N, C-alpha and C. Protein backbone atom coordinates (compact mmCIF):
# COMPACT_ATOMS: atom_id res chain seq x y z
N MET A 1 -3.53 -19.18 -0.50
CA MET A 1 -3.48 -17.81 -0.33
C MET A 1 -4.10 -17.36 0.96
N PHE A 2 -5.20 -17.94 1.31
CA PHE A 2 -5.85 -17.52 2.49
C PHE A 2 -6.10 -18.77 3.42
N HIS A 3 -5.69 -18.78 4.54
CA HIS A 3 -5.96 -19.88 5.48
C HIS A 3 -6.84 -19.22 6.65
N ILE A 4 -7.87 -19.86 7.02
CA ILE A 4 -8.87 -19.31 7.98
C ILE A 4 -8.92 -20.11 9.24
N THR A 5 -8.83 -19.39 10.34
CA THR A 5 -9.07 -19.94 11.62
C THR A 5 -10.20 -19.31 12.23
N SER A 6 -11.16 -20.14 12.79
CA SER A 6 -12.41 -19.48 13.39
C SER A 6 -12.71 -20.21 14.66
N ASP A 7 -13.55 -19.55 15.44
CA ASP A 7 -13.98 -20.04 16.70
C ASP A 7 -15.50 -19.97 16.98
N VAL A 8 -15.91 -20.27 18.04
CA VAL A 8 -17.32 -20.27 18.33
C VAL A 8 -17.95 -18.91 18.56
N GLN A 9 -17.15 -17.84 18.72
CA GLN A 9 -17.56 -16.59 18.96
C GLN A 9 -17.82 -15.67 17.70
N ASN A 10 -18.12 -16.34 16.57
CA ASN A 10 -18.33 -15.68 15.36
C ASN A 10 -17.15 -14.80 14.90
N THR A 11 -15.91 -15.42 15.24
CA THR A 11 -14.65 -14.80 14.96
C THR A 11 -13.84 -15.58 13.91
N ALA A 12 -13.39 -14.92 12.89
CA ALA A 12 -12.51 -15.56 11.98
C ALA A 12 -11.23 -14.80 11.70
N ILE A 13 -10.07 -15.48 11.77
CA ILE A 13 -8.84 -14.98 11.44
C ILE A 13 -8.45 -15.41 9.96
N LEU A 14 -8.27 -14.40 9.13
CA LEU A 14 -7.82 -14.67 7.67
C LEU A 14 -6.49 -14.50 7.59
N HIS A 15 -5.65 -15.55 7.50
CA HIS A 15 -4.24 -15.51 7.44
C HIS A 15 -3.85 -15.39 5.92
N ALA A 16 -3.49 -14.28 5.40
CA ALA A 16 -3.05 -14.06 4.01
C ALA A 16 -1.62 -14.24 3.86
N GLN A 17 -1.22 -14.80 2.70
CA GLN A 17 0.07 -14.91 2.23
C GLN A 17 0.39 -14.40 0.92
N GLY A 18 1.42 -13.64 0.69
CA GLY A 18 1.85 -13.10 -0.64
C GLY A 18 1.21 -11.78 -0.88
N LYS A 19 1.51 -11.30 -1.99
CA LYS A 19 0.98 -10.03 -2.44
C LYS A 19 -0.58 -10.12 -2.76
N ILE A 20 -1.32 -9.10 -2.22
CA ILE A 20 -2.72 -9.13 -2.50
C ILE A 20 -2.91 -8.01 -3.57
N ILE A 21 -2.87 -8.50 -4.82
CA ILE A 21 -2.94 -7.56 -5.99
C ILE A 21 -3.86 -8.25 -7.02
N GLY A 22 -4.56 -7.40 -7.87
CA GLY A 22 -5.26 -7.98 -8.96
C GLY A 22 -6.33 -9.00 -8.55
N THR A 23 -6.34 -10.15 -9.25
CA THR A 23 -7.34 -11.18 -9.02
C THR A 23 -7.23 -11.71 -7.57
N ILE A 24 -6.10 -11.60 -6.95
CA ILE A 24 -5.95 -12.22 -5.54
C ILE A 24 -6.86 -11.26 -4.64
N ALA A 25 -6.92 -10.03 -4.97
CA ALA A 25 -7.89 -9.16 -4.15
C ALA A 25 -9.30 -9.62 -4.29
N ASP A 26 -9.69 -10.09 -5.55
CA ASP A 26 -10.99 -10.67 -5.67
C ASP A 26 -11.25 -11.89 -4.84
N GLN A 27 -10.20 -12.68 -4.72
CA GLN A 27 -10.27 -13.93 -3.88
C GLN A 27 -10.35 -13.50 -2.45
N LEU A 28 -9.75 -12.43 -2.10
CA LEU A 28 -9.91 -11.89 -0.66
C LEU A 28 -11.38 -11.50 -0.42
N GLN A 29 -11.98 -10.82 -1.39
CA GLN A 29 -13.38 -10.40 -1.20
C GLN A 29 -14.23 -11.64 -1.13
N GLU A 30 -13.96 -12.67 -1.92
CA GLU A 30 -14.87 -13.90 -1.93
C GLU A 30 -14.62 -14.64 -0.48
N THR A 31 -13.45 -14.59 -0.04
CA THR A 31 -13.19 -15.20 1.25
C THR A 31 -13.92 -14.56 2.37
N ILE A 32 -13.85 -13.14 2.35
CA ILE A 32 -14.48 -12.42 3.38
C ILE A 32 -16.00 -12.67 3.33
N GLU A 33 -16.58 -12.59 2.09
CA GLU A 33 -18.06 -12.75 1.85
C GLU A 33 -18.49 -14.07 2.37
N GLN A 34 -17.65 -15.16 2.17
CA GLN A 34 -17.92 -16.52 2.66
C GLN A 34 -17.97 -16.49 4.20
N GLN A 35 -17.09 -15.82 4.80
CA GLN A 35 -17.11 -15.78 6.28
C GLN A 35 -18.29 -15.14 6.83
N LEU A 36 -18.72 -14.06 6.21
CA LEU A 36 -19.92 -13.32 6.64
C LEU A 36 -21.21 -14.32 6.45
N GLN A 37 -21.18 -14.95 5.30
CA GLN A 37 -22.38 -15.96 5.12
C GLN A 37 -22.33 -17.01 6.16
N ASN A 38 -21.15 -17.40 6.62
CA ASN A 38 -20.91 -18.48 7.65
C ASN A 38 -21.38 -17.92 9.02
N GLY A 39 -21.62 -16.65 9.11
CA GLY A 39 -21.97 -16.02 10.40
C GLY A 39 -20.84 -15.38 11.25
N ASN A 40 -19.68 -15.42 10.57
CA ASN A 40 -18.42 -14.85 11.24
C ASN A 40 -18.40 -13.34 10.89
N ASN A 41 -18.93 -12.51 11.81
CA ASN A 41 -18.81 -11.09 11.50
C ASN A 41 -17.82 -10.40 12.29
N LYS A 42 -17.00 -11.06 12.91
CA LYS A 42 -15.81 -10.52 13.64
C LYS A 42 -14.65 -11.08 12.91
N LEU A 43 -13.91 -10.21 12.16
CA LEU A 43 -12.83 -10.68 11.17
C LEU A 43 -11.45 -9.96 11.55
N ILE A 44 -10.52 -10.79 11.54
CA ILE A 44 -9.11 -10.31 11.74
C ILE A 44 -8.39 -10.66 10.51
N LEU A 45 -7.93 -9.73 9.82
CA LEU A 45 -7.12 -9.84 8.57
C LEU A 45 -5.69 -9.80 8.93
N ASP A 46 -5.05 -11.02 8.92
CA ASP A 46 -3.61 -11.14 9.27
C ASP A 46 -2.75 -10.90 8.16
N LEU A 47 -2.07 -9.72 8.18
CA LEU A 47 -1.22 -9.31 7.04
C LEU A 47 0.26 -9.49 7.19
N THR A 48 0.62 -10.41 8.28
CA THR A 48 2.03 -10.71 8.58
C THR A 48 2.79 -11.14 7.45
N ASP A 49 2.26 -11.89 6.53
CA ASP A 49 2.99 -12.41 5.38
C ASP A 49 2.54 -11.81 4.14
N VAL A 50 2.08 -10.52 4.14
CA VAL A 50 1.72 -9.79 2.92
C VAL A 50 2.58 -8.66 2.75
N PRO A 51 3.48 -8.71 1.65
CA PRO A 51 4.45 -7.70 1.42
C PRO A 51 4.01 -6.51 0.70
N LEU A 52 2.78 -6.66 -0.02
CA LEU A 52 2.19 -5.63 -0.85
C LEU A 52 0.82 -5.72 -1.04
N LEU A 53 0.09 -4.62 -1.03
CA LEU A 53 -1.36 -4.55 -1.35
C LEU A 53 -1.45 -3.56 -2.53
N ASP A 54 -2.43 -3.72 -3.31
CA ASP A 54 -2.68 -2.75 -4.38
C ASP A 54 -4.04 -2.01 -4.02
N SER A 55 -4.36 -1.05 -4.91
CA SER A 55 -5.64 -0.26 -4.62
C SER A 55 -6.89 -1.12 -4.61
N THR A 56 -6.92 -2.21 -5.45
CA THR A 56 -8.04 -3.08 -5.37
C THR A 56 -8.25 -3.69 -4.03
N ALA A 57 -7.09 -4.27 -3.47
CA ALA A 57 -7.13 -4.81 -2.15
C ALA A 57 -7.58 -3.82 -1.12
N LEU A 58 -7.12 -2.64 -1.29
CA LEU A 58 -7.47 -1.57 -0.26
C LEU A 58 -9.03 -1.32 -0.42
N GLY A 59 -9.58 -1.33 -1.63
CA GLY A 59 -11.02 -1.16 -1.86
C GLY A 59 -11.76 -2.35 -1.16
N VAL A 60 -11.31 -3.53 -1.31
CA VAL A 60 -11.90 -4.77 -0.79
C VAL A 60 -12.03 -4.64 0.73
N ILE A 61 -10.82 -4.18 1.39
CA ILE A 61 -10.79 -4.02 2.82
C ILE A 61 -11.70 -3.00 3.20
N ILE A 62 -11.82 -1.83 2.55
CA ILE A 62 -12.79 -0.75 3.03
C ILE A 62 -14.11 -1.22 2.95
N LEU A 63 -14.46 -1.83 1.71
CA LEU A 63 -15.84 -2.43 1.68
C LEU A 63 -16.22 -3.43 2.68
N ALA A 64 -15.25 -4.32 2.88
CA ALA A 64 -15.50 -5.34 3.97
C ALA A 64 -15.68 -4.74 5.31
N PHE A 65 -14.88 -3.67 5.61
CA PHE A 65 -15.01 -3.02 6.93
C PHE A 65 -16.44 -2.30 7.05
N GLN A 66 -16.96 -1.80 5.98
CA GLN A 66 -18.22 -1.21 6.00
C GLN A 66 -19.32 -2.23 6.22
N VAL A 67 -19.16 -3.26 5.43
CA VAL A 67 -20.22 -4.37 5.46
C VAL A 67 -20.22 -4.98 6.87
N VAL A 68 -19.11 -5.29 7.41
CA VAL A 68 -19.00 -5.89 8.77
C VAL A 68 -19.53 -5.06 9.80
N GLN A 69 -19.22 -3.78 9.71
CA GLN A 69 -19.75 -2.75 10.72
C GLN A 69 -21.23 -2.69 10.71
N ARG A 70 -21.91 -2.65 9.51
CA ARG A 70 -23.28 -2.60 9.29
C ARG A 70 -23.93 -3.88 9.93
N SER A 71 -23.15 -5.04 9.95
CA SER A 71 -23.80 -6.24 10.49
C SER A 71 -23.54 -6.37 11.96
N GLY A 72 -22.97 -5.40 12.58
CA GLY A 72 -22.78 -5.30 13.88
C GLY A 72 -21.50 -6.09 14.40
N GLY A 73 -20.64 -6.32 13.35
CA GLY A 73 -19.37 -6.94 13.66
C GLY A 73 -18.21 -6.05 13.52
N LYS A 74 -17.07 -6.46 13.46
CA LYS A 74 -15.80 -5.76 13.49
C LYS A 74 -14.70 -6.32 12.58
N LEU A 75 -13.98 -5.57 11.88
CA LEU A 75 -12.87 -5.99 11.09
C LEU A 75 -11.69 -5.16 11.58
N VAL A 76 -10.54 -5.92 11.96
CA VAL A 76 -9.27 -5.25 12.36
C VAL A 76 -8.17 -6.00 11.54
N LEU A 77 -7.12 -5.15 11.45
CA LEU A 77 -5.91 -5.70 10.68
C LEU A 77 -4.85 -6.17 11.74
N LEU A 78 -4.15 -7.24 11.40
CA LEU A 78 -3.18 -7.73 12.30
C LEU A 78 -1.72 -7.67 11.63
N ASN A 79 -0.87 -7.10 12.31
CA ASN A 79 0.63 -6.93 11.94
C ASN A 79 0.98 -6.79 10.45
N PRO A 80 0.63 -5.61 9.94
CA PRO A 80 1.09 -5.39 8.52
C PRO A 80 2.56 -5.20 8.45
N GLN A 81 3.12 -5.67 7.35
CA GLN A 81 4.51 -5.40 7.12
C GLN A 81 4.78 -3.95 6.84
N LYS A 82 6.09 -3.43 6.91
CA LYS A 82 6.44 -2.19 6.80
C LYS A 82 5.76 -1.40 5.44
N ALA A 83 5.84 -2.10 4.30
CA ALA A 83 5.35 -1.47 3.10
C ALA A 83 3.85 -1.33 3.17
N VAL A 84 3.19 -2.36 3.70
CA VAL A 84 1.70 -2.30 3.79
C VAL A 84 1.33 -1.26 4.78
N SER A 85 2.09 -1.15 5.93
CA SER A 85 1.75 -0.16 6.99
C SER A 85 1.88 1.25 6.30
N SER A 86 2.99 1.46 5.51
CA SER A 86 3.12 2.75 4.83
C SER A 86 1.98 3.08 3.93
N ILE A 87 1.48 2.09 3.24
CA ILE A 87 0.35 2.39 2.34
C ILE A 87 -0.82 2.76 3.12
N LEU A 88 -1.06 2.07 4.30
CA LEU A 88 -2.20 2.45 5.09
C LEU A 88 -2.01 3.78 5.73
N GLU A 89 -0.85 4.28 5.98
CA GLU A 89 -0.57 5.60 6.50
C GLU A 89 -0.81 6.62 5.37
N VAL A 90 -0.27 6.42 4.32
CA VAL A 90 -0.39 7.35 3.12
C VAL A 90 -1.78 7.56 2.80
N THR A 91 -2.58 6.57 2.78
CA THR A 91 -3.98 6.69 2.38
C THR A 91 -4.83 6.98 3.61
N ARG A 92 -4.28 7.30 4.67
CA ARG A 92 -4.97 7.57 5.95
C ARG A 92 -6.01 6.53 6.48
N LEU A 93 -5.78 5.34 5.98
CA LEU A 93 -6.65 4.19 6.36
C LEU A 93 -6.36 3.81 7.86
N LYS A 94 -5.29 4.07 8.34
CA LYS A 94 -4.88 3.79 9.72
C LYS A 94 -5.70 4.65 10.74
N SER A 95 -6.35 5.55 10.32
CA SER A 95 -7.09 6.51 11.13
C SER A 95 -8.45 5.84 11.19
N ILE A 96 -8.85 5.01 10.30
CA ILE A 96 -10.12 4.34 10.22
C ILE A 96 -10.22 2.91 10.59
N LEU A 97 -9.24 2.21 10.20
CA LEU A 97 -9.09 0.78 10.50
C LEU A 97 -8.14 0.61 11.75
N GLU A 98 -8.56 -0.27 12.61
CA GLU A 98 -7.78 -0.65 13.79
C GLU A 98 -6.61 -1.65 13.41
N VAL A 99 -5.48 -1.40 13.72
CA VAL A 99 -4.29 -2.18 13.58
C VAL A 99 -3.59 -2.61 14.78
N TYR A 100 -3.37 -3.94 14.82
CA TYR A 100 -2.78 -4.53 16.01
C TYR A 100 -1.47 -5.30 15.64
N GLU A 101 -0.61 -5.37 16.58
CA GLU A 101 0.62 -6.00 16.33
C GLU A 101 0.58 -7.47 16.70
N THR A 102 -0.22 -7.89 17.64
CA THR A 102 -0.34 -9.27 18.15
C THR A 102 -1.74 -9.87 17.84
N GLU A 103 -1.78 -11.15 17.68
CA GLU A 103 -3.04 -11.82 17.43
C GLU A 103 -4.00 -11.68 18.65
N GLU A 104 -3.43 -11.73 19.80
CA GLU A 104 -4.08 -11.63 21.06
C GLU A 104 -4.79 -10.32 21.18
N ALA A 105 -4.02 -9.27 20.92
CA ALA A 105 -4.56 -7.89 21.02
C ALA A 105 -5.72 -7.73 19.91
N ALA A 106 -5.51 -8.29 18.70
CA ALA A 106 -6.56 -8.12 17.73
C ALA A 106 -7.80 -8.94 18.08
N TYR A 107 -7.55 -10.14 18.68
CA TYR A 107 -8.72 -10.96 19.00
C TYR A 107 -9.48 -10.23 20.25
N ASN A 108 -8.74 -9.65 21.13
CA ASN A 108 -9.44 -9.03 22.22
C ASN A 108 -10.22 -7.76 21.72
N ALA A 109 -9.76 -7.14 20.64
CA ALA A 109 -10.43 -6.01 20.02
C ALA A 109 -11.87 -6.30 19.44
N VAL A 110 -11.82 -7.50 18.92
CA VAL A 110 -13.13 -7.91 18.19
C VAL A 110 -14.15 -8.70 18.96
N VAL A 111 -13.75 -9.32 20.12
CA VAL A 111 -14.66 -10.08 20.91
C VAL A 111 -15.30 -9.26 22.02
């Protein structure tokens, strides 16, 4: 479900695949918490292969955003699909969360 790429600059890219709904959202939260415990407080959540998020997943992302921000880090979203992007717009989360279309742009935003 989640593949993680990290580097020496405390940056991790969480590559998600499939719908993030229900218990999968809990797995996302655990994955993010693990990255923070590992010292990775600059997170890129890659949503390229995620066709749908539910309200639980949105809550996890918002909570992670707040926790990361308090730790002096940053969380950004990468390339959400059209349906996910629409959800972010309707909930007005696009005005809070930074969204990037390329991995390079997202990486440059967090380092």
